[in-house]
């Protein structure tokens, strides 16, 4: 049995952060709900949460469904925070896109400039800090 690319991506990132706890949502869920709920609590009492959609890409296309686009757009419009984290099939860095840009990302694919790019080997601590710093 082969493992889906997003499952391999999840296994790659699930234990990389020390300040953020990641929970993968794998049960039957509402249409478009992202793959991961991320929560954090820092020593200075700051705390928060955000969602992450994992995407493994072949070529330029990201492959967001209409339900995923709708969920990200609605969630961000209503004050929530979400990100789309993409990596090429076979590795090669991690690109971060704001969920608020889901429609543009679906149309433009990887030609849309990411909010952040973490090349291989990925600096996971820097990526974690970037995520916390960019939660709205």
Protein backbone atom coordinates (compact mmCIF):
# COMPACT_ATOMS: atom_id res chain seq x y z
CA UNK A 1 0.00 0.00 0.00
CA UNK A 2 1.42 3.36 -0.97
CA UNK A 3 1.29 6.38 1.27
CA UNK A 4 -0.32 9.56 -0.05
CA UNK A 5 2.08 12.48 -0.60
CA UNK A 6 0.28 14.63 2.01
CA UNK A 7 0.63 11.81 4.57
CA UNK A 8 4.38 11.70 3.93
CA UNK A 9 4.51 15.52 4.23
CA UNK A 10 2.67 15.26 7.58
CA UNK A 11 5.17 12.66 8.85
CA UNK A 12 7.98 15.00 7.80
CA UNK A 13 6.70 17.99 9.81
CA UNK A 14 4.71 16.56 12.74
CA UNK A 15 7.54 16.53 15.30
CA UNK A 16 9.61 19.46 14.07
CA UNK A 17 8.15 22.23 16.25
CA UNK A 18 8.73 22.83 19.95
CA UNK A 19 6.32 25.74 20.57
CA UNK A 20 3.46 24.70 18.29
CA UNK A 21 1.38 21.56 18.81
CA UNK A 22 0.05 20.10 15.58
CA UNK A 23 -3.06 17.91 15.44
CA UNK A 24 -3.88 16.20 12.18
CA UNK A 25 -7.59 16.05 11.41
CA UNK A 26 -8.19 12.74 9.62
CA UNK A 27 -11.79 11.86 10.43
CA UNK A 28 -14.71 12.66 8.17
CA UNK A 29 -14.82 16.43 8.38
CA UNK A 30 -16.76 19.33 6.92
CA UNK A 31 -15.98 20.07 3.29
CA UNK A 32 -12.74 22.00 2.96
CA UNK A 33 -11.56 21.76 6.58
CA UNK A 34 -7.73 21.92 6.59
CA UNK A 35 -5.49 19.01 7.52
CA UNK A 36 -4.00 20.41 10.73
CA UNK A 37 -5.08 22.45 13.73
CA UNK A 38 -2.06 24.21 15.26
CA UNK A 39 -2.09 25.72 18.76
CA UNK A 40 0.62 27.43 20.74
CA UNK A 41 1.25 29.00 24.15
CA UNK A 42 4.40 30.99 24.78
CA UNK A 43 6.16 31.93 28.02
CA UNK A 44 5.00 35.54 27.67
CA UNK A 45 1.42 34.19 27.90
CA UNK A 46 0.72 34.73 24.19
CA UNK A 47 -1.38 31.96 22.82
CA UNK A 48 -3.25 31.29 19.65
CA UNK A 49 -4.31 28.86 17.02
CA UNK A 50 -4.38 28.55 13.28
CA UNK A 51 -5.05 25.98 10.59
CA UNK A 52 -2.68 24.47 8.02
CA UNK A 53 -3.57 22.83 4.72
CA UNK A 54 -0.78 20.55 3.45
CA UNK A 55 -0.20 20.31 -0.29
CA UNK A 56 2.36 18.32 -2.22
CA UNK A 57 2.78 19.72 -5.71
CA UNK A 58 3.64 18.32 -9.10
CA UNK A 59 4.52 21.18 -11.37
CA UNK A 60 2.91 24.60 -10.87
CA UNK A 61 -0.57 23.55 -9.70
CA UNK A 62 -1.49 23.44 -6.00
CA UNK A 63 -4.70 21.41 -6.33
CA UNK A 64 -7.05 23.18 -3.92
CA UNK A 65 -10.65 21.99 -4.13
CA UNK A 66 -13.51 24.46 -4.31
CA UNK A 67 -14.43 23.45 -0.73
CA UNK A 68 -10.90 24.20 0.48
CA UNK A 69 -10.83 27.57 -1.28
CA UNK A 70 -14.21 28.49 0.19
CA UNK A 71 -13.22 27.38 3.70
CA UNK A 72 -9.96 29.37 3.72
CA UNK A 73 -11.55 32.49 2.25
CA UNK A 74 -14.48 32.42 4.68
CA UNK A 75 -12.34 31.59 7.72
CA UNK A 76 -9.95 34.47 7.04
CA UNK A 77 -12.74 36.93 6.17
CA UNK A 78 -14.33 36.15 9.54
CA UNK A 79 -11.14 36.81 11.52
CA UNK A 80 -9.53 33.38 11.56
CA UNK A 81 -6.02 32.54 10.44
CA UNK A 82 -4.94 29.74 8.12
CA UNK A 83 -2.00 28.85 5.95
CA UNK A 84 -1.39 26.60 2.98
CA UNK A 85 1.96 24.83 3.28
CA UNK A 86 3.23 23.42 0.00
CA UNK A 87 6.21 21.27 -0.88
CA UNK A 88 7.22 19.72 -4.21
CA UNK A 89 6.79 15.98 -4.63
CA UNK A 90 10.08 14.47 -3.49
CA UNK A 91 11.00 17.44 -1.27
CA UNK A 92 12.68 20.71 -2.11
CA UNK A 93 11.62 23.23 0.47
CA UNK A 94 8.42 24.52 2.00
CA UNK A 95 6.37 27.46 0.69
CA UNK A 96 3.85 29.17 2.96
CA UNK A 97 0.77 30.95 1.59
CA UNK A 98 -1.90 32.80 3.56
CA UNK A 99 -5.28 31.09 3.45
CA UNK A 100 -6.71 34.52 2.59
CA UNK A 101 -5.00 34.08 -0.81
CA UNK A 102 -6.48 30.63 -1.51
CA UNK A 103 -8.39 31.72 -4.61
CA UNK A 104 -5.34 33.42 -6.12
CA UNK A 105 -3.21 30.41 -5.24
CA UNK A 106 -5.66 28.05 -6.94
CA UNK A 107 -5.62 30.19 -10.09
CA UNK A 108 -1.92 31.09 -10.25
CA UNK A 109 -0.35 28.06 -8.60
CA UNK A 110 3.26 28.30 -7.55
CA UNK A 111 3.79 31.36 -9.75
CA UNK A 112 2.05 33.27 -6.90
CA UNK A 113 4.75 34.62 -4.61
CA UNK A 114 4.65 32.82 -1.26
CA UNK A 115 4.47 34.70 2.03
CA UNK A 116 7.58 32.75 3.04
CA UNK A 117 9.89 30.17 1.49
CA UNK A 118 12.05 27.78 3.49
CA UNK A 119 14.50 25.97 1.17
CA UNK A 120 15.97 22.54 1.88
CA UNK A 121 17.31 21.72 4.32
CA UNK A 122 14.33 23.32 6.01
CA UNK A 123 15.10 25.45 9.06
CA UNK A 124 12.15 24.18 11.12
CA UNK A 125 12.78 26.54 14.04
CA UNK A 126 12.70 29.52 11.67
CA UNK A 127 9.52 28.22 10.04
CA UNK A 128 7.87 27.78 13.45
CA UNK A 129 8.85 31.32 14.50
CA UNK A 130 7.54 32.70 11.21
CA UNK A 131 4.17 30.98 11.68
CA UNK A 132 3.73 32.30 15.24
CA UNK A 133 4.79 35.80 14.19
CA UNK A 134 2.25 35.83 11.34
CA UNK A 135 -0.85 34.60 13.14
CA UNK A 136 -3.32 37.47 12.97
